[in-house]
Protein backbone atom coordinates (compact mmCIF):
# COMPACT_ATOMS: atom_id res chain seq x y z
CA MET A 1 0.17 -0.01 0.02
CA ALA A 2 2.45 2.61 -1.03
CA LEU A 3 1.31 5.99 -1.30
CA ALA A 4 2.06 8.03 -4.57
CA LYS A 5 4.84 10.20 -4.70
CA ARG A 6 3.76 14.08 -5.10
CA SER A 7 5.48 16.52 -7.09
CA LYS A 8 7.69 19.07 -5.39
CA ILE A 9 4.73 21.53 -6.24
CA ALA A 10 1.77 19.35 -4.69
CA GLN A 11 3.86 18.39 -1.29
CA GLU A 12 4.32 22.18 -0.91
CA ALA A 13 0.73 22.80 -1.37
CA PHE A 14 0.00 19.80 0.62
CA ASP A 15 2.23 21.08 3.85
CA LEU A 16 0.21 24.64 3.34
CA ALA A 17 -3.18 23.67 2.95
CA GLU A 18 -3.17 20.59 5.56
CA PRO A 19 -3.23 22.68 8.56
CA VAL A 20 -6.12 24.86 7.30
CA VAL A 21 -8.02 21.95 5.87
CA THR A 22 -7.59 20.01 9.46
CA GLU A 23 -8.81 23.44 11.23
CA LEU A 24 -11.80 23.24 9.12
CA GLY A 25 -12.58 19.66 10.39
CA PHE A 26 -11.49 17.82 7.40
CA ASP A 27 -8.64 15.63 6.12
CA LEU A 28 -6.32 16.15 3.40
CA VAL A 29 -5.61 13.12 1.96
CA ASP A 30 -3.95 14.12 -1.41
CA CYS A 31 -2.88 17.09 -3.65
CA SER A 32 -2.19 16.71 -7.29
CA TYR A 33 -0.41 19.33 -9.56
CA VAL A 34 -1.11 18.34 -13.20
CA LYS A 35 -0.92 19.30 -16.86
CA GLU A 36 -4.24 19.27 -18.57
CA ALA A 37 -5.50 20.50 -21.66
CA ARG A 38 -6.71 23.72 -19.95
CA GLY A 39 -3.15 24.25 -18.07
CA MET A 40 -2.05 23.33 -14.59
CA VAL A 41 -4.20 22.25 -12.28
CA LEU A 42 -3.67 21.98 -8.63
CA THR A 43 -6.34 19.77 -6.96
CA LEU A 44 -6.77 19.11 -3.17
CA TYR A 45 -8.50 15.94 -2.04
CA ILE A 46 -10.32 16.25 1.12
CA ASP A 47 -12.68 13.65 2.98
CA LYS A 48 -14.29 13.35 6.48
CA ARG A 49 -16.59 10.65 8.12
CA GLY A 50 -20.05 10.97 6.11
CA GLY A 51 -18.38 11.90 3.11
CA ILE A 52 -17.76 15.57 1.22
CA GLY A 53 -20.45 17.46 -0.19
CA ILE A 54 -19.91 20.84 -2.72
CA ASP A 55 -20.24 22.83 0.16
CA ASP A 56 -17.42 21.43 1.85
CA CYS A 57 -15.51 21.77 -1.11
CA GLU A 58 -16.15 25.71 -1.38
CA THR A 59 -15.45 26.32 2.29
CA VAL A 60 -12.22 24.84 1.86
CA SER A 61 -11.16 26.26 -1.40
CA ARG A 62 -12.22 29.61 -0.03
CA ALA A 63 -10.13 28.90 2.88
CA VAL A 64 -6.94 27.68 1.33
CA ASP A 65 -7.15 30.05 -2.10
CA PRO A 66 -5.31 33.13 -0.39
CA ILE A 67 -2.45 30.58 0.77
CA ILE A 68 -2.08 29.30 -2.42
CA ASP A 69 -1.89 32.84 -4.24
CA GLU A 70 0.53 33.71 -1.69
CA ALA A 71 3.08 30.79 -2.27
CA ALA A 72 5.69 32.27 -5.14
CA SER A 73 6.49 28.43 -6.25
CA ILE A 74 2.89 27.61 -6.68
CA ASP A 75 1.43 29.06 -9.42
CA PRO A 76 -1.59 27.15 -10.95
CA ASP A 77 -3.67 28.00 -13.78
CA PHE A 78 -6.64 26.20 -12.02
CA PHE A 79 -7.25 25.40 -8.29
CA GLU A 80 -9.87 22.71 -7.73
CA VAL A 81 -11.01 21.05 -4.11
CA SER A 82 -12.83 17.59 -4.69
CA SER A 83 -13.72 14.51 -2.68
CA PRO A 84 -11.38 11.70 -3.46
CA GLY A 85 -14.31 9.27 -4.37
CA LEU A 86 -16.16 6.44 -2.82
CA THR A 87 -13.78 4.02 -4.52
CA ARG A 88 -10.62 5.45 -3.19
CA PRO A 89 -8.02 2.83 -1.78
CA LEU A 90 -7.69 3.41 2.03
CA GLU A 91 -3.93 3.94 2.30
CA THR A 92 -3.44 5.33 5.98
CA GLU A 93 -4.31 4.58 9.32
CA LYS A 94 -6.25 7.52 9.43
CA ASP A 95 -8.38 6.01 6.63
CA TYR A 96 -8.99 2.90 8.42
CA ILE A 97 -10.14 4.87 11.68
CA ARG A 98 -12.33 6.94 9.61
CA TYR A 99 -14.14 4.16 8.23
CA ALA A 100 -14.10 1.97 11.16
CA GLY A 101 -17.67 0.15 11.36
CA GLU A 102 -18.01 0.29 7.58
CA LYS A 103 -17.46 -3.06 5.20
CA VAL A 104 -14.67 -2.88 2.84
CA ASP A 105 -13.14 -5.03 0.01
CA VAL A 106 -9.42 -6.31 0.54
CA SER A 107 -7.11 -7.72 -1.68
CA LEU A 108 -4.00 -9.32 -0.29
CA TYR A 109 -0.54 -9.63 -1.88
CA LYS A 110 -0.70 -13.25 -0.58
CA PRO A 111 -3.44 -15.86 0.09
CA MET A 112 -4.95 -15.68 3.59
CA GLU A 113 -6.59 -19.20 4.51
CA GLY A 114 -6.46 -20.00 0.72
CA LYS A 115 -8.11 -16.56 -0.39
CA LYS A 116 -6.34 -13.41 -1.62
CA SER A 117 -9.37 -11.10 -1.27
CA PHE A 118 -12.47 -10.76 1.04
CA THR A 119 -15.21 -8.48 2.26
CA ALA A 120 -15.38 -7.58 5.83
CA VAL A 121 -15.93 -4.47 8.42
CA ILE A 122 -13.22 -2.46 9.60
CA LYS A 123 -12.95 -2.68 13.31
CA GLY A 124 -10.12 -0.15 13.75
CA ALA A 125 -6.30 0.47 13.34
CA GLU A 126 -3.33 1.29 15.18
CA GLY A 127 0.14 1.52 13.94
CA GLU A 128 0.65 -0.20 10.63
CA LYS A 129 -2.04 -2.85 11.30
CA ALA A 130 -5.97 -2.89 10.69
CA THR A 131 -8.58 -5.28 12.24
CA PHE A 132 -11.10 -6.80 10.41
CA VAL A 133 -14.41 -8.49 11.45
CA PHE A 134 -16.10 -10.94 8.95
CA ASP A 135 -20.20 -11.75 8.96
CA ASN A 136 -19.83 -14.55 11.14
CA GLY A 137 -17.81 -12.30 14.19
CA GLU A 138 -14.30 -13.92 13.39
CA GLU A 139 -11.79 -11.10 13.93
CA PHE A 140 -8.34 -10.78 12.57
CA THR A 141 -5.70 -8.12 12.10
CA LEU A 142 -3.44 -7.73 9.16
CA GLY A 143 -0.38 -5.62 8.92
CA PHE A 144 -0.60 -2.66 5.63
CA GLU A 145 2.28 -4.28 3.77
CA ASP A 146 0.12 -7.57 3.54
CA ILE A 147 -2.98 -5.64 1.78
CA ALA A 148 -2.47 -4.51 -1.73
CA LYS A 149 -5.61 -2.98 -1.83
CA ALA A 150 -8.64 -1.99 0.42
CA VAL A 151 -11.79 -0.01 -1.18
CA ARG A 152 -14.99 0.70 0.71
CA HIS A 153 -17.51 -1.71 -0.13
CA ILE A 154 -20.54 -0.58 -2.18
CA ASP A 155 -24.11 -2.64 -2.00
CA PHE A 156 -25.84 -2.03 -5.43
């Protein structure tokens, strides 16, 4: 579960924005600075328990925009704030804590009891490990290094 490496500018924007985003009650989960057809786009991805709405994105954008404008080395053509989406992989201890009590689909690097994937409820996380509960009540703990991918389960 290695986190993607951010560009230098994206990392600088992340570092500047994170305290503000946290103070507003959100988690800054990622930041990207990419060239698109319309120009260079800086995007902050925010999350919170219960999900993100357009008003949340607007609140964060209004608070962070002046900080980005003041940073001489960050000069995007466009600045956006977005939700990371329902199917964003869980990557950090904070992600697992945020979604404790929710069902997730987990893929493993190596089989566990003959299976490389399963669906279970997140009980919690601590350090570099997450604890899950199967429908039958059985609990088990895995190190993050054993988890290839974990995403929130979506029932249709």
